[in-house]
N, C-alpha and C. Protein backbone atom coordinates (compact mmCIF):
# COMPACT_ATOMS: atom_id res chain seq x y z
N UNK A 1 0.83 -1.21 0.00
CA UNK A 1 0.00 0.00 0.00
C UNK A 1 0.87 1.26 0.00
N UNK A 2 1.84 1.29 0.92
CA UNK A 2 2.75 2.42 0.98
C UNK A 2 4.18 1.92 0.79
N UNK A 3 4.93 2.55 -0.08
CA UNK A 3 6.28 2.10 -0.39
C UNK A 3 7.29 2.50 0.68
N UNK A 4 7.01 3.57 1.41
CA UNK A 4 7.93 4.06 2.43
C UNK A 4 7.16 4.80 3.51
N UNK A 5 7.86 5.08 4.63
CA UNK A 5 7.24 5.85 5.70
C UNK A 5 6.94 7.28 5.24
N UNK A 6 7.80 7.79 4.35
CA UNK A 6 7.55 9.14 3.82
C UNK A 6 6.26 9.16 3.00
N UNK A 7 6.03 8.10 2.23
CA UNK A 7 4.80 7.98 1.45
C UNK A 7 3.59 7.96 2.38
N UNK A 8 3.69 7.18 3.46
CA UNK A 8 2.62 7.13 4.46
C UNK A 8 2.41 8.49 5.10
N UNK A 9 3.50 9.15 5.46
CA UNK A 9 3.41 10.45 6.12
C UNK A 9 2.75 11.49 5.23
N UNK A 10 3.13 11.55 3.97
CA UNK A 10 2.57 12.54 3.05
C UNK A 10 1.08 12.29 2.82
N UNK A 11 0.70 11.01 2.71
CA UNK A 11 -0.71 10.67 2.51
C UNK A 11 -1.54 11.08 3.72
N UNK A 12 -1.07 10.74 4.91
CA UNK A 12 -1.81 11.08 6.13
C UNK A 12 -1.83 12.59 6.34
N UNK A 13 -0.72 13.26 6.06
CA UNK A 13 -0.65 14.71 6.19
C UNK A 13 -1.71 15.38 5.30
N UNK A 14 -1.81 14.92 4.07
CA UNK A 14 -2.80 15.50 3.15
C UNK A 14 -4.22 15.27 3.64
N UNK A 15 -4.47 14.11 4.24
CA UNK A 15 -5.79 13.83 4.79
C UNK A 15 -6.12 14.77 5.95
N UNK A 16 -5.13 15.01 6.82
CA UNK A 16 -5.34 15.92 7.94
C UNK A 16 -5.59 17.35 7.46
N UNK A 17 -4.84 17.77 6.46
CA UNK A 17 -5.00 19.12 5.92
C UNK A 17 -6.40 19.31 5.33
N UNK A 18 -6.90 18.30 4.63
CA UNK A 18 -8.22 18.39 4.01
C UNK A 18 -9.33 18.49 5.05
N UNK A 19 -9.14 17.86 6.21
CA UNK A 19 -10.20 17.82 7.21
C UNK A 19 -10.01 18.83 8.34
N UNK A 20 -8.95 19.61 8.30
CA UNK A 20 -8.66 20.53 9.40
C UNK A 20 -9.64 21.68 9.44
N UNK A 21 -9.80 22.26 10.63
CA UNK A 21 -10.66 23.43 10.80
C UNK A 21 -9.84 24.70 10.65
N UNK A 22 -10.51 25.83 10.70
CA UNK A 22 -9.80 27.12 10.57
C UNK A 22 -8.95 27.40 11.79
N UNK A 23 -9.21 26.72 12.89
CA UNK A 23 -8.42 26.94 14.11
C UNK A 23 -7.43 25.80 14.34
N UNK A 24 -6.96 25.20 13.25
CA UNK A 24 -6.01 24.09 13.34
C UNK A 24 -4.88 24.28 12.35
N UNK A 25 -3.67 24.01 12.80
CA UNK A 25 -2.50 23.95 11.92
C UNK A 25 -1.93 22.54 11.94
N UNK A 26 -1.43 22.09 10.80
CA UNK A 26 -0.81 20.78 10.70
C UNK A 26 0.67 20.98 10.37
N UNK A 27 1.55 20.52 11.25
CA UNK A 27 2.98 20.73 11.10
C UNK A 27 3.69 19.40 10.94
N UNK A 28 4.61 19.34 9.97
CA UNK A 28 5.41 18.14 9.78
C UNK A 28 6.79 18.30 10.40
N UNK A 29 7.35 17.20 10.89
CA UNK A 29 8.70 17.16 11.46
C UNK A 29 8.87 18.25 12.51
N UNK A 30 7.97 18.25 13.47
CA UNK A 30 8.01 19.24 14.54
C UNK A 30 9.08 18.88 15.55
N UNK A 31 9.95 19.83 15.85
CA UNK A 31 11.07 19.58 16.75
C UNK A 31 10.65 19.70 18.20
N UNK A 32 10.61 18.57 18.90
CA UNK A 32 10.30 18.56 20.33
C UNK A 32 11.59 18.32 21.10
N UNK A 33 11.48 18.19 22.39
CA UNK A 33 12.64 18.04 23.27
C UNK A 33 13.51 16.84 22.89
N UNK A 34 12.89 15.74 22.50
CA UNK A 34 13.58 14.47 22.31
C UNK A 34 13.76 14.11 20.85
N UNK A 35 13.51 15.05 19.92
CA UNK A 35 13.66 14.77 18.50
C UNK A 35 12.44 15.23 17.73
N UNK A 36 12.45 14.98 16.43
CA UNK A 36 11.35 15.41 15.59
C UNK A 36 10.14 14.49 15.72
N UNK A 37 8.97 15.09 15.83
CA UNK A 37 7.71 14.35 15.80
C UNK A 37 7.20 14.41 14.36
N UNK A 38 6.80 13.26 13.81
CA UNK A 38 6.45 13.19 12.40
C UNK A 38 5.42 14.24 11.99
N UNK A 39 4.29 14.25 12.68
CA UNK A 39 3.24 15.23 12.40
C UNK A 39 2.63 15.70 13.71
N UNK A 40 2.39 17.00 13.82
CA UNK A 40 1.72 17.56 14.99
C UNK A 40 0.54 18.40 14.52
N UNK A 41 -0.60 18.15 15.13
CA UNK A 41 -1.78 18.97 14.87
C UNK A 41 -1.92 19.95 16.02
N UNK A 42 -2.00 21.22 15.70
CA UNK A 42 -2.05 22.27 16.72
C UNK A 42 -3.42 22.93 16.69
N UNK A 43 -4.13 22.87 17.80
CA UNK A 43 -5.45 23.49 17.91
C UNK A 43 -5.33 24.81 18.68
N UNK A 44 -5.87 25.88 18.11
CA UNK A 44 -5.71 27.19 18.73
C UNK A 44 -7.00 28.00 18.64
N UNK A 45 -8.06 27.51 19.25
CA UNK A 45 -9.34 28.22 19.24
C UNK A 45 -9.18 29.64 19.81
N UNK A 46 -9.48 30.64 18.96
CA UNK A 46 -9.41 32.04 19.38
C UNK A 46 -8.07 32.37 20.04
N UNK A 47 -6.98 31.92 19.42
CA UNK A 47 -5.66 32.14 19.99
C UNK A 47 -5.30 33.62 20.03
N UNK A 48 -4.87 34.06 21.17
CA UNK A 48 -4.32 35.40 21.32
C UNK A 48 -2.82 35.23 21.58
N UNK A 49 -1.99 35.62 20.60
CA UNK A 49 -0.55 35.42 20.74
C UNK A 49 -0.03 36.41 21.78
N UNK A 50 0.14 35.93 22.99
CA UNK A 50 0.50 36.79 24.12
C UNK A 50 2.02 36.91 24.30
N UNK A 51 2.79 36.11 23.59
CA UNK A 51 4.24 36.17 23.72
C UNK A 51 4.84 37.12 22.68
N UNK A 52 5.81 37.91 23.10
CA UNK A 52 6.60 38.65 22.12
C UNK A 52 7.54 37.65 21.44
N UNK A 53 8.09 38.05 20.32
CA UNK A 53 9.01 37.14 19.62
C UNK A 53 10.22 36.83 20.50
N UNK A 54 10.70 37.83 21.25
CA UNK A 54 11.85 37.62 22.13
C UNK A 54 11.51 36.62 23.23
N UNK A 55 10.31 36.73 23.81
CA UNK A 55 9.90 35.79 24.84
C UNK A 55 9.78 34.38 24.27
N UNK A 56 9.22 34.27 23.07
CA UNK A 56 9.06 32.96 22.45
C UNK A 56 10.41 32.33 22.15
N UNK A 57 11.36 33.13 21.70
CA UNK A 57 12.70 32.60 21.40
C UNK A 57 13.37 32.07 22.66
N UNK A 58 13.20 32.76 23.77
CA UNK A 58 13.79 32.31 25.03
C UNK A 58 13.13 31.02 25.51
N UNK A 59 11.81 30.99 25.47
CA UNK A 59 11.08 29.85 25.99
C UNK A 59 11.13 28.64 25.07
N UNK A 60 11.52 28.84 23.82
CA UNK A 60 11.68 27.70 22.92
C UNK A 60 12.89 26.86 23.31
N UNK A 61 13.79 27.45 24.12
CA UNK A 61 14.95 26.72 24.64
C UNK A 61 14.52 25.91 25.85
N UNK A 62 14.80 24.62 25.82
CA UNK A 62 14.35 23.76 26.90
C UNK A 62 14.93 24.18 28.25
N UNK A 63 16.16 24.67 28.25
CA UNK A 63 16.79 25.09 29.50
C UNK A 63 16.00 26.20 30.19
N UNK A 64 15.51 27.16 29.40
CA UNK A 64 14.70 28.26 29.95
C UNK A 64 13.32 27.76 30.35
N UNK A 65 12.76 26.90 29.49
CA UNK A 65 11.43 26.36 29.77
C UNK A 65 11.42 25.55 31.06
N UNK A 66 12.52 24.84 31.32
CA UNK A 66 12.61 24.04 32.53
C UNK A 66 12.53 24.92 33.78
N UNK A 67 13.23 26.05 33.76
CA UNK A 67 13.20 26.97 34.90
C UNK A 67 11.78 27.51 35.11
N UNK A 68 11.16 27.97 34.02
CA UNK A 68 9.80 28.52 34.13
C UNK A 68 8.82 27.45 34.61
N UNK A 69 9.06 26.22 34.21
CA UNK A 69 8.17 25.13 34.61
C UNK A 69 8.12 24.91 36.11
N UNK A 70 9.16 25.32 36.82
CA UNK A 70 9.20 25.17 38.27
C UNK A 70 8.70 26.41 39.01
N UNK A 71 8.28 27.42 38.26
CA UNK A 71 7.81 28.67 38.87
C UNK A 71 6.30 28.81 38.76
N UNK A 72 5.75 29.70 39.59
CA UNK A 72 4.31 29.95 39.61
C UNK A 72 4.06 31.45 39.71
N UNK A 73 2.79 31.83 39.51
CA UNK A 73 2.42 33.23 39.64
C UNK A 73 2.15 33.63 41.08
N UNK A 74 1.70 32.68 41.87
CA UNK A 74 1.28 33.01 43.23
C UNK A 74 2.18 32.46 44.32
N UNK A 75 3.04 31.54 43.98
CA UNK A 75 3.90 30.92 44.98
C UNK A 75 5.37 31.14 44.63
N UNK A 76 6.07 32.02 45.35
CA UNK A 76 7.50 32.26 45.06
C UNK A 76 8.34 31.03 45.30
N UNK A 77 9.38 30.87 44.47
CA UNK A 77 10.33 29.77 44.63
C UNK A 77 11.71 30.36 44.92
N UNK A 78 12.43 29.71 45.83
CA UNK A 78 13.75 30.20 46.20
C UNK A 78 14.79 29.82 45.15
N UNK A 79 15.89 30.55 45.17
CA UNK A 79 17.01 30.25 44.27
C UNK A 79 17.54 28.85 44.57
N UNK A 80 17.61 28.51 45.85
CA UNK A 80 18.08 27.18 46.26
C UNK A 80 17.18 26.09 45.69
N UNK A 81 15.88 26.34 45.68
CA UNK A 81 14.91 25.38 45.13
C UNK A 81 15.17 25.16 43.64
N UNK A 82 15.42 26.24 42.90
CA UNK A 82 15.65 26.14 41.46
C UNK A 82 16.96 25.41 41.15
N UNK A 83 17.97 25.67 41.96
CA UNK A 83 19.25 24.95 41.78
C UNK A 83 19.02 23.45 41.97
N UNK A 84 18.27 23.12 43.01
CA UNK A 84 18.01 21.72 43.32
C UNK A 84 17.20 21.03 42.24
N UNK A 85 16.17 21.70 41.76
CA UNK A 85 15.25 21.09 40.80
C UNK A 85 15.84 21.00 39.39
N UNK A 86 16.56 22.03 38.97
CA UNK A 86 17.08 22.04 37.59
C UNK A 86 18.39 21.27 37.46
N UNK A 87 19.20 21.28 38.54
CA UNK A 87 20.51 20.65 38.47
C UNK A 87 21.54 21.51 37.75
N UNK A 88 21.18 22.77 37.45
CA UNK A 88 22.09 23.68 36.75
C UNK A 88 23.16 24.22 37.70
N UNK A 89 24.27 24.65 37.13
CA UNK A 89 25.27 25.36 37.92
C UNK A 89 24.74 26.75 38.24
N UNK A 90 25.34 27.40 39.23
CA UNK A 90 24.88 28.74 39.61
C UNK A 90 25.05 29.73 38.46
N UNK A 91 26.19 29.66 37.78
CA UNK A 91 26.43 30.59 36.66
C UNK A 91 25.41 30.40 35.55
N UNK A 92 25.10 29.14 35.23
CA UNK A 92 24.16 28.86 34.15
C UNK A 92 22.75 29.29 34.54
N UNK A 93 22.35 28.97 35.76
CA UNK A 93 21.02 29.38 36.23
C UNK A 93 20.90 30.89 36.29
N UNK A 94 21.95 31.56 36.75
CA UNK A 94 21.93 33.02 36.83
C UNK A 94 21.70 33.65 35.46
N UNK A 95 22.36 33.11 34.44
CA UNK A 95 22.22 33.66 33.09
C UNK A 95 20.79 33.48 32.57
N UNK A 96 20.19 32.34 32.88
CA UNK A 96 18.81 32.10 32.45
C UNK A 96 17.85 33.02 33.19
N UNK A 97 18.02 33.14 34.49
CA UNK A 97 17.14 34.00 35.29
C UNK A 97 17.22 35.45 34.85
N UNK A 98 18.43 35.93 34.56
CA UNK A 98 18.58 37.31 34.10
C UNK A 98 17.88 37.54 32.78
N UNK A 99 17.98 36.58 31.87
CA UNK A 99 17.32 36.70 30.57
C UNK A 99 15.80 36.69 30.73
N UNK A 100 15.28 35.80 31.57
CA UNK A 100 13.84 35.74 31.81
C UNK A 100 13.33 37.01 32.48
N UNK A 101 14.14 37.57 33.37
CA UNK A 101 13.76 38.85 34.01
C UNK A 101 13.74 39.98 33.00
N UNK A 102 14.75 40.02 32.15
CA UNK A 102 14.87 41.09 31.15
C UNK A 102 13.65 41.13 30.24
N UNK A 103 13.14 39.96 29.87
CA UNK A 103 11.99 39.89 28.96
C UNK A 103 10.65 39.86 29.70
N UNK A 104 10.69 40.15 31.00
CA UNK A 104 9.49 40.29 31.83
C UNK A 104 8.64 39.03 31.85
N UNK A 105 9.33 37.90 31.91
CA UNK A 105 8.64 36.62 32.08
C UNK A 105 8.57 36.27 33.56
N UNK A 106 9.65 36.57 34.30
CA UNK A 106 9.68 36.32 35.73
C UNK A 106 10.11 37.59 36.46
N UNK A 107 9.86 37.61 37.77
CA UNK A 107 10.29 38.72 38.62
C UNK A 107 11.08 38.17 39.79
N UNK A 108 12.08 38.93 40.21
CA UNK A 108 12.86 38.57 41.38
C UNK A 108 12.31 39.32 42.59
N UNK A 109 12.01 38.58 43.65
CA UNK A 109 11.47 39.17 44.86
C UNK A 109 12.56 39.27 45.93
N UNK A 110 12.17 39.71 47.10
CA UNK A 110 13.11 39.78 48.21
C UNK A 110 13.50 38.36 48.65
N UNK A 111 14.60 38.28 49.35
CA UNK A 111 15.10 37.00 49.87
C UNK A 111 15.45 36.02 48.76
N UNK A 112 15.82 36.57 47.60
CA UNK A 112 16.28 35.74 46.48
C UNK A 112 15.22 34.71 46.04
N UNK A 113 13.98 35.18 45.93
CA UNK A 113 12.90 34.33 45.46
C UNK A 113 12.39 34.82 44.10
N UNK A 114 11.80 33.89 43.36
CA UNK A 114 11.37 34.20 41.99
C UNK A 114 9.92 33.79 41.78
N UNK A 115 9.26 34.52 40.88
CA UNK A 115 7.86 34.28 40.59
C UNK A 115 7.60 34.65 39.13
N UNK A 116 6.60 34.06 38.51
CA UNK A 116 6.22 34.45 37.15
C UNK A 116 5.48 35.78 37.21
N UNK A 117 5.80 36.67 36.31
CA UNK A 117 5.18 38.00 36.28
C UNK A 117 3.66 37.90 36.16
N UNK A 118 2.96 38.73 36.90
CA UNK A 118 1.50 38.70 36.88
C UNK A 118 0.93 39.04 35.51
N UNK A 119 1.63 39.89 34.77
CA UNK A 119 1.15 40.30 33.44
C UNK A 119 1.52 39.31 32.34
N UNK A 120 2.31 38.31 32.69
CA UNK A 120 2.72 37.34 31.68
C UNK A 120 1.62 36.31 31.47
N UNK A 121 1.19 36.15 30.22
CA UNK A 121 0.15 35.19 29.88
C UNK A 121 0.69 34.20 28.86
N UNK A 122 0.44 32.93 29.12
CA UNK A 122 0.93 31.89 28.23
C UNK A 122 -0.17 31.50 27.25
N UNK A 123 0.15 31.37 25.95
CA UNK A 123 -0.86 31.03 24.95
C UNK A 123 -1.49 29.66 25.21
N UNK A 124 -2.75 29.53 24.87
CA UNK A 124 -3.45 28.27 25.07
C UNK A 124 -3.46 27.48 23.77
N UNK A 125 -2.51 26.57 23.64
CA UNK A 125 -2.44 25.70 22.47
C UNK A 125 -2.64 24.25 22.91
N UNK A 126 -3.24 23.46 22.04
CA UNK A 126 -3.39 22.03 22.28
C UNK A 126 -2.75 21.26 21.14
N UNK A 127 -1.94 20.27 21.50
CA UNK A 127 -1.20 19.49 20.51
C UNK A 127 -1.73 18.06 20.43
N UNK A 128 -1.84 17.56 19.20
CA UNK A 128 -2.06 16.14 18.96
C UNK A 128 -0.85 15.65 18.18
N UNK A 129 -0.17 14.64 18.68
CA UNK A 129 1.06 14.14 18.05
C UNK A 129 0.79 12.82 17.33
N UNK A 130 1.43 12.69 16.15
CA UNK A 130 1.27 11.47 15.36
C UNK A 130 2.65 10.90 15.03
N UNK A 131 2.87 9.66 15.42
CA UNK A 131 4.12 8.97 15.13
C UNK A 131 3.83 7.88 14.10
N UNK A 132 4.50 7.95 12.94
CA UNK A 132 4.17 7.07 11.83
C UNK A 132 5.22 5.98 11.62
N UNK A 133 4.75 4.76 11.41
CA UNK A 133 5.62 3.63 11.14
C UNK A 133 4.91 2.67 10.19
N UNK A 134 5.68 2.03 9.31
CA UNK A 134 5.10 1.02 8.42
C UNK A 134 4.79 -0.27 9.16
N UNK A 135 5.72 -0.72 10.03
CA UNK A 135 5.52 -2.00 10.73
C UNK A 135 5.99 -1.99 12.19
N UNK A 136 7.02 -1.25 12.51
CA UNK A 136 7.63 -1.32 13.83
C UNK A 136 6.79 -0.57 14.87
N UNK A 137 5.69 -1.20 15.29
CA UNK A 137 4.78 -0.54 16.21
C UNK A 137 5.38 -0.38 17.61
N UNK A 138 6.29 -1.28 18.00
CA UNK A 138 6.90 -1.20 19.32
C UNK A 138 7.73 0.08 19.45
N UNK A 139 8.52 0.38 18.43
CA UNK A 139 9.31 1.60 18.44
C UNK A 139 8.40 2.82 18.41
N UNK A 140 7.34 2.72 17.62
CA UNK A 140 6.41 3.84 17.48
C UNK A 140 5.69 4.14 18.78
N UNK A 141 5.29 3.11 19.51
CA UNK A 141 4.52 3.33 20.73
C UNK A 141 5.38 3.95 21.83
N UNK A 142 6.66 3.62 21.85
CA UNK A 142 7.57 4.23 22.82
C UNK A 142 7.73 5.72 22.52
N UNK A 143 7.94 6.03 21.23
CA UNK A 143 8.07 7.44 20.86
C UNK A 143 6.77 8.20 21.10
N UNK A 144 5.65 7.58 20.77
CA UNK A 144 4.36 8.23 20.96
C UNK A 144 4.09 8.50 22.44
N UNK A 145 4.52 7.60 23.31
CA UNK A 145 4.33 7.82 24.75
C UNK A 145 5.15 9.02 25.23
N UNK A 146 6.33 9.22 24.64
CA UNK A 146 7.14 10.40 24.98
C UNK A 146 6.44 11.68 24.53
N UNK A 147 5.71 11.59 23.43
CA UNK A 147 5.03 12.77 22.91
C UNK A 147 3.94 13.28 23.85
N UNK A 148 3.49 12.43 24.78
CA UNK A 148 2.48 12.90 25.74
C UNK A 148 3.06 13.92 26.71
N UNK A 149 4.37 14.14 26.66
CA UNK A 149 4.98 15.19 27.49
C UNK A 149 4.52 16.58 27.06
N UNK A 150 4.04 16.70 25.81
CA UNK A 150 3.54 18.00 25.38
C UNK A 150 2.18 17.91 24.69
N UNK A 151 1.82 16.73 24.19
CA UNK A 151 0.57 16.57 23.47
C UNK A 151 -0.54 16.07 24.37
N UNK A 152 -1.76 16.58 24.17
CA UNK A 152 -2.87 16.11 25.00
C UNK A 152 -3.45 14.82 24.46
N UNK A 153 -3.10 14.48 23.20
CA UNK A 153 -3.40 13.16 22.65
C UNK A 153 -2.25 12.75 21.73
N UNK A 154 -1.88 11.48 21.78
CA UNK A 154 -0.76 10.99 20.98
C UNK A 154 -1.15 9.68 20.31
N UNK A 155 -0.81 9.56 19.01
CA UNK A 155 -1.22 8.40 18.23
C UNK A 155 -0.04 7.75 17.51
N UNK A 156 -0.15 6.44 17.33
CA UNK A 156 0.68 5.70 16.38
C UNK A 156 -0.14 5.57 15.11
N UNK A 157 0.48 5.88 13.97
CA UNK A 157 -0.22 5.84 12.68
C UNK A 157 0.49 4.83 11.78
N UNK A 158 -0.29 3.89 11.22
CA UNK A 158 0.29 2.82 10.41
C UNK A 158 -0.61 2.53 9.21
N UNK A 159 -0.10 1.81 8.22
CA UNK A 159 -0.97 1.36 7.13
C UNK A 159 -2.15 0.58 7.71
N UNK A 160 -3.30 0.71 7.11
CA UNK A 160 -4.52 0.18 7.71
C UNK A 160 -4.47 -1.33 7.97
N UNK A 161 -3.92 -2.09 7.04
CA UNK A 161 -3.89 -3.54 7.25
C UNK A 161 -3.02 -3.91 8.45
N UNK A 162 -1.91 -3.18 8.66
CA UNK A 162 -1.05 -3.43 9.83
C UNK A 162 -1.75 -2.99 11.11
N UNK A 163 -2.45 -1.86 11.05
CA UNK A 163 -3.14 -1.34 12.24
C UNK A 163 -4.21 -2.31 12.71
N UNK A 164 -4.91 -2.94 11.78
CA UNK A 164 -5.96 -3.90 12.15
C UNK A 164 -5.35 -5.10 12.88
N UNK A 165 -4.24 -5.62 12.37
CA UNK A 165 -3.57 -6.76 13.01
C UNK A 165 -3.10 -6.40 14.41
N UNK A 166 -2.53 -5.22 14.55
CA UNK A 166 -1.98 -4.80 15.84
C UNK A 166 -3.10 -4.58 16.86
N UNK A 167 -4.20 -3.99 16.41
CA UNK A 167 -5.34 -3.78 17.31
C UNK A 167 -5.84 -5.11 17.86
N UNK A 168 -5.89 -6.14 17.02
CA UNK A 168 -6.41 -7.44 17.44
C UNK A 168 -5.47 -8.14 18.43
N UNK A 169 -4.15 -7.93 18.29
CA UNK A 169 -3.19 -8.67 19.10
C UNK A 169 -2.62 -7.88 20.28
N UNK A 170 -2.46 -6.56 20.10
CA UNK A 170 -1.68 -5.81 21.08
C UNK A 170 -2.39 -4.55 21.60
N UNK A 171 -3.69 -4.52 21.53
CA UNK A 171 -4.41 -3.30 21.93
C UNK A 171 -4.14 -2.92 23.39
N UNK A 172 -3.89 -3.94 24.25
CA UNK A 172 -3.67 -3.64 25.68
C UNK A 172 -2.41 -2.80 25.88
N UNK A 173 -1.43 -2.94 24.99
CA UNK A 173 -0.20 -2.15 25.10
C UNK A 173 -0.48 -0.66 24.84
N UNK A 174 -1.39 -0.39 23.94
CA UNK A 174 -1.73 1.00 23.63
C UNK A 174 -2.48 1.64 24.80
N UNK A 175 -3.35 0.88 25.44
CA UNK A 175 -4.04 1.41 26.61
C UNK A 175 -3.07 1.60 27.77
N UNK A 176 -2.11 0.70 27.89
CA UNK A 176 -1.11 0.80 28.96
C UNK A 176 -0.29 2.08 28.83
N UNK A 177 0.11 2.41 27.61
CA UNK A 177 0.93 3.60 27.36
C UNK A 177 0.08 4.85 27.09
N UNK A 178 -1.23 4.71 27.09
CA UNK A 178 -2.16 5.80 26.78
C UNK A 178 -1.85 6.42 25.42
N UNK A 179 -1.75 5.56 24.42
CA UNK A 179 -1.45 5.96 23.05
C UNK A 179 -2.54 5.44 22.13
N UNK A 180 -2.97 6.26 21.17
CA UNK A 180 -4.00 5.85 20.23
C UNK A 180 -3.42 5.15 19.02
N UNK A 181 -4.30 4.57 18.21
CA UNK A 181 -3.88 3.85 17.00
C UNK A 181 -4.77 4.24 15.83
N UNK A 182 -4.13 4.62 14.73
CA UNK A 182 -4.84 5.02 13.51
C UNK A 182 -4.33 4.20 12.33
N UNK A 183 -5.26 3.71 11.51
CA UNK A 183 -4.91 3.01 10.29
C UNK A 183 -5.18 3.89 9.08
N UNK A 184 -4.28 3.87 8.10
CA UNK A 184 -4.38 4.77 6.95
C UNK A 184 -4.46 3.97 5.65
N UNK A 185 -5.38 4.36 4.79
CA UNK A 185 -5.42 3.88 3.41
C UNK A 185 -5.08 5.05 2.50
N UNK A 186 -5.08 4.83 1.21
CA UNK A 186 -4.77 5.92 0.29
C UNK A 186 -5.83 7.01 0.31
N UNK A 187 -7.05 6.66 0.75
CA UNK A 187 -8.15 7.60 0.65
C UNK A 187 -8.67 8.13 1.98
N UNK A 188 -8.42 7.39 3.08
CA UNK A 188 -8.98 7.81 4.36
C UNK A 188 -8.18 7.21 5.51
N UNK A 189 -8.63 7.47 6.73
CA UNK A 189 -7.98 6.88 7.91
C UNK A 189 -9.03 6.50 8.94
N UNK A 190 -8.66 5.53 9.79
CA UNK A 190 -9.58 4.98 10.77
C UNK A 190 -8.96 5.03 12.17
N UNK A 191 -9.74 5.53 13.13
CA UNK A 191 -9.29 5.58 14.51
C UNK A 191 -9.72 4.30 15.23
N UNK A 192 -8.76 3.44 15.54
CA UNK A 192 -9.07 2.17 16.17
C UNK A 192 -8.98 2.23 17.70
N UNK A 193 -8.03 3.01 18.20
CA UNK A 193 -7.87 3.16 19.65
C UNK A 193 -7.71 4.65 19.95
N UNK A 194 -8.50 5.14 20.90
CA UNK A 194 -8.42 6.54 21.29
C UNK A 194 -7.81 6.66 22.69
N UNK A 195 -6.79 7.50 22.85
CA UNK A 195 -6.17 7.66 24.17
C UNK A 195 -6.97 8.59 25.07
N UNK A 196 -6.71 8.49 26.36
CA UNK A 196 -7.29 9.46 27.29
C UNK A 196 -6.57 10.79 27.13
N UNK A 197 -7.29 11.85 27.37
CA UNK A 197 -6.70 13.19 27.23
C UNK A 197 -5.71 13.45 28.35
N UNK A 198 -4.52 13.94 27.97
CA UNK A 198 -3.50 14.32 28.94
C UNK A 198 -3.53 15.84 29.12
N UNK A 199 -3.75 16.30 30.34
CA UNK A 199 -3.83 17.73 30.60
C UNK A 199 -2.45 18.30 30.88
N UNK A 200 -2.17 19.47 30.31
CA UNK A 200 -0.88 20.13 30.51
C UNK A 200 -1.09 21.58 30.94
N UNK A 201 -0.22 22.04 31.81
CA UNK A 201 -0.15 23.47 32.11
C UNK A 201 1.30 23.89 32.02
N UNK A 202 1.54 25.15 31.69
CA UNK A 202 2.91 25.60 31.48
C UNK A 202 3.74 25.56 32.76
N UNK A 203 3.07 25.48 33.91
CA UNK A 203 3.82 25.51 35.17
C UNK A 203 4.45 24.17 35.54
N UNK A 204 4.13 23.11 34.80
CA UNK A 204 4.70 21.81 35.16
C UNK A 204 5.38 21.08 34.00
N UNK A 205 5.20 21.54 32.78
CA UNK A 205 5.72 20.79 31.64
C UNK A 205 6.64 21.64 30.76
N UNK A 206 7.95 21.54 30.97
CA UNK A 206 8.88 22.32 30.14
C UNK A 206 8.81 21.96 28.66
N UNK A 207 8.52 20.69 28.34
CA UNK A 207 8.39 20.31 26.93
C UNK A 207 7.18 20.98 26.31
N UNK A 208 6.10 21.11 27.08
CA UNK A 208 4.92 21.81 26.61
C UNK A 208 5.22 23.30 26.40
N UNK A 209 5.97 23.89 27.32
CA UNK A 209 6.35 25.30 27.20
C UNK A 209 7.17 25.53 25.92
N UNK A 210 8.23 24.76 25.75
CA UNK A 210 9.11 24.97 24.61
C UNK A 210 8.40 24.66 23.29
N UNK A 211 7.52 23.65 23.29
CA UNK A 211 6.78 23.31 22.07
C UNK A 211 5.83 24.43 21.68
N UNK A 212 5.14 25.00 22.66
CA UNK A 212 4.24 26.12 22.39
C UNK A 212 5.00 27.31 21.84
N UNK A 213 6.13 27.63 22.45
CA UNK A 213 6.94 28.76 21.99
C UNK A 213 7.43 28.54 20.56
N UNK A 214 7.84 27.33 20.23
CA UNK A 214 8.30 27.03 18.88
C UNK A 214 7.18 27.21 17.86
N UNK A 215 5.96 26.85 18.25
CA UNK A 215 4.83 27.06 17.34
C UNK A 215 4.58 28.54 17.10
N UNK A 216 4.66 29.33 18.16
CA UNK A 216 4.44 30.77 18.02
C UNK A 216 5.46 31.40 17.09
N UNK A 217 6.67 30.86 17.07
CA UNK A 217 7.73 31.40 16.23
C UNK A 217 7.54 31.06 14.75
N UNK A 218 6.73 30.06 14.46
CA UNK A 218 6.51 29.68 13.07
C UNK A 218 5.71 30.75 12.34
N UNK A 219 6.01 30.94 11.07
CA UNK A 219 5.42 32.01 10.28
C UNK A 219 3.90 31.94 10.24
N UNK A 220 3.34 30.71 10.19
CA UNK A 220 1.90 30.59 10.05
C UNK A 220 1.14 31.11 11.27
N UNK A 221 1.83 31.24 12.42
CA UNK A 221 1.19 31.76 13.61
C UNK A 221 1.41 33.28 13.75
N UNK A 222 2.37 33.82 13.04
CA UNK A 222 2.68 35.22 13.20
C UNK A 222 1.55 36.14 12.75
N UNK A 223 0.76 35.67 11.78
CA UNK A 223 -0.30 36.50 11.22
C UNK A 223 -1.61 36.38 11.98
N UNK A 224 -1.68 35.47 12.96
CA UNK A 224 -2.93 35.26 13.70
C UNK A 224 -3.20 36.45 14.64
């Protein structure tokens, strides 16, 4: 049915593009923390791009996103806490904190404590990740499970005949990893297993933070 994974990817990508809504973008080879994700669907109902380009560039770096992920708007965190949680050296952490302060993402309080600026608003984006494989579903399911670090739903996508076989024999593995399964033909696709929704907030998921910032930096979001 499909001669290569690229053939499968292009076919599925075209199907997603045809069925997408006006509040959806379809991105190929999206760079996440752990490597490229084959296809990512980004949902942005009434998106208000609240990040400046400078803020997005900073937060697209995982090192900066990790620091912000440990901070809150209402609960100050100590410098000692950030050193402990991030594992960064003092010099490296200081450089990140200064940059975040400069761009008004965080504020430094008394007693060497830090908090997210009250005026800072993080964009509300939702990601669906798709990992495509012709046959190696085991490798795909591991990668798809990693994608739940930023995606609220993550799927393995395979040729339809392979997807049917896998659903019959190994469906429990997909439920275990909370990963969905989609089968693709030349003309359409079928959802055989649907994952539970994974909720993300910017205060706990650095991969979600950096992924959102990277999306904002893309040209197709600049005009929104």
